[in-house]
């Protein structure tokens, strides 16, 4: 998962990509450190065509504020430029997979 720190670059990617996942976290969040590899594995194994980016809220407060992220970890998923999914704090991998599955199939498997 590649880090992103520039709001304009991020907005360009959101408008350009069919599906984009943003993972908001920080280096000081122990829960985030445990969850991040699980999210990466899920995306790699089940949804390989999804682009994902990591946003460190301490290094990118403008991005965090723009997307109203006030707690971590937070995952935002954009389908065709619009935020469709938002999970914060207690994030279930099954719930995340279910939220992505149908839109992913409609976008990429048709």
Protein backbone atom coordinates (compact mmCIF):
# COMPACT_ATOMS: atom_id res chain seq x y z
CA UNK A 1 0.00 0.00 0.00
CA UNK A 2 1.59 3.21 -1.17
CA UNK A 3 1.53 6.34 0.98
CA UNK A 4 -0.07 9.49 -0.36
CA UNK A 5 0.53 12.97 1.05
CA UNK A 6 -0.73 15.45 -1.55
CA UNK A 7 -4.44 16.35 -1.60
CA UNK A 8 -4.47 17.29 -5.29
CA UNK A 9 -2.77 14.04 -6.30
CA UNK A 10 -5.28 12.11 -4.21
CA UNK A 11 -8.28 13.91 -5.71
CA UNK A 12 -6.93 13.17 -9.19
CA UNK A 13 -6.65 9.46 -8.35
CA UNK A 14 -10.16 9.37 -6.88
CA UNK A 15 -11.62 10.84 -10.07
CA UNK A 16 -9.46 8.66 -12.35
CA UNK A 17 -9.65 5.22 -10.70
CA UNK A 18 -12.72 3.00 -10.89
CA UNK A 19 -12.17 1.84 -7.31
CA UNK A 20 -9.85 3.36 -4.72
CA UNK A 21 -9.27 2.37 -1.09
CA UNK A 22 -7.84 4.82 1.42
CA UNK A 23 -6.45 3.45 4.67
CA UNK A 24 -6.06 6.17 7.31
CA UNK A 25 -3.68 5.40 10.14
CA UNK A 26 -0.61 6.61 12.00
CA UNK A 27 2.69 5.14 13.12
CA UNK A 28 1.59 5.36 16.76
CA UNK A 29 -1.57 3.25 16.29
CA UNK A 30 -0.96 -0.37 17.28
CA UNK A 31 -4.37 -1.56 16.05
CA UNK A 32 -3.66 0.05 12.68
CA UNK A 33 -0.36 -1.82 12.39
CA UNK A 34 -2.14 -5.14 12.92
CA UNK A 35 -5.01 -4.35 10.55
CA UNK A 36 -3.02 -2.93 7.62
CA UNK A 37 -1.43 -6.24 6.46
CA UNK A 38 -4.83 -7.94 6.69
CA UNK A 39 -6.40 -5.28 4.46
CA UNK A 40 -3.49 -5.54 2.02
CA UNK A 41 -3.85 -9.33 1.91
CA UNK A 42 -7.61 -9.13 1.32
CA UNK A 43 -7.19 -6.67 -1.53
CA UNK A 44 -4.30 -8.59 -3.09
CA UNK A 45 -6.03 -11.99 -2.90
CA UNK A 46 -9.67 -11.14 -3.60
CA UNK A 47 -9.67 -7.75 -5.32
CA UNK A 48 -6.39 -7.40 -7.23
CA UNK A 49 -7.57 -4.59 -9.51
CA UNK A 50 -8.22 -2.18 -6.64
CA UNK A 51 -5.70 0.57 -6.01
CA UNK A 52 -5.08 1.26 -2.30
CA UNK A 53 -3.27 4.10 -0.58
CA UNK A 54 -2.12 4.69 2.97
CA UNK A 55 -2.73 8.10 4.57
CA UNK A 56 -0.81 8.93 7.76
CA UNK A 57 -3.09 11.35 9.61
CA UNK A 58 -0.15 12.91 11.46
CA UNK A 59 1.80 13.62 8.26
CA UNK A 60 -1.26 14.51 6.15
CA UNK A 61 -3.67 16.48 8.36
CA UNK A 62 -5.09 18.31 5.33
CA UNK A 63 -6.17 15.04 3.70
CA UNK A 64 -7.60 13.73 6.99
CA UNK A 65 -9.56 16.93 7.50
CA UNK A 66 -10.80 17.04 3.91
CA UNK A 67 -12.28 13.55 4.30
CA UNK A 68 -13.45 14.12 7.90
CA UNK A 69 -11.37 11.34 9.38
CA UNK A 70 -11.18 11.87 13.12
CA UNK A 71 -10.45 8.36 14.39
CA UNK A 72 -8.16 5.59 13.21
CA UNK A 73 -8.01 3.16 11.65
CA UNK A 74 -10.46 4.36 9.02
CA UNK A 75 -11.04 2.85 5.60
CA UNK A 76 -12.76 4.78 2.82
CA UNK A 77 -13.71 3.12 -0.44
CA UNK A 78 -14.51 5.13 -3.54
CA UNK A 79 -16.38 3.55 -6.45
CA UNK A 80 -16.23 5.62 -9.64
CA UNK A 81 -15.22 8.77 -7.78
CA UNK A 82 -17.79 8.64 -4.98
CA UNK A 83 -17.27 7.55 -1.39
CA UNK A 84 -19.48 4.50 -0.90
CA UNK A 85 -17.97 2.74 2.13
CA UNK A 86 -16.56 4.08 5.40
CA UNK A 87 -15.39 1.98 8.34
CA UNK A 88 -13.70 3.28 11.47
CA UNK A 89 -12.10 1.73 14.54
CA UNK A 90 -13.48 -1.82 14.75
CA UNK A 91 -13.19 -3.14 11.22
CA UNK A 92 -14.20 -6.69 10.32
CA UNK A 93 -12.48 -8.27 7.33
CA UNK A 94 -15.69 -10.15 6.50
CA UNK A 95 -17.68 -6.93 6.56
CA UNK A 96 -15.08 -5.17 4.41
CA UNK A 97 -15.02 -8.03 1.90
CA UNK A 98 -18.82 -8.07 1.67
CA UNK A 99 -18.91 -4.30 1.07
CA UNK A 100 -16.47 -4.57 -1.84
CA UNK A 101 -17.58 -7.83 -3.45
CA UNK A 102 -20.70 -6.85 -5.41
CA UNK A 103 -19.57 -3.42 -6.69
CA UNK A 104 -16.20 -4.94 -7.65
CA UNK A 105 -17.92 -7.65 -9.67
CA UNK A 106 -20.16 -5.11 -11.42
CA UNK A 107 -17.25 -2.83 -12.31
CA UNK A 108 -14.52 -5.31 -13.24
CA UNK A 109 -16.21 -8.58 -14.20
CA UNK A 110 -18.63 -7.37 -16.85
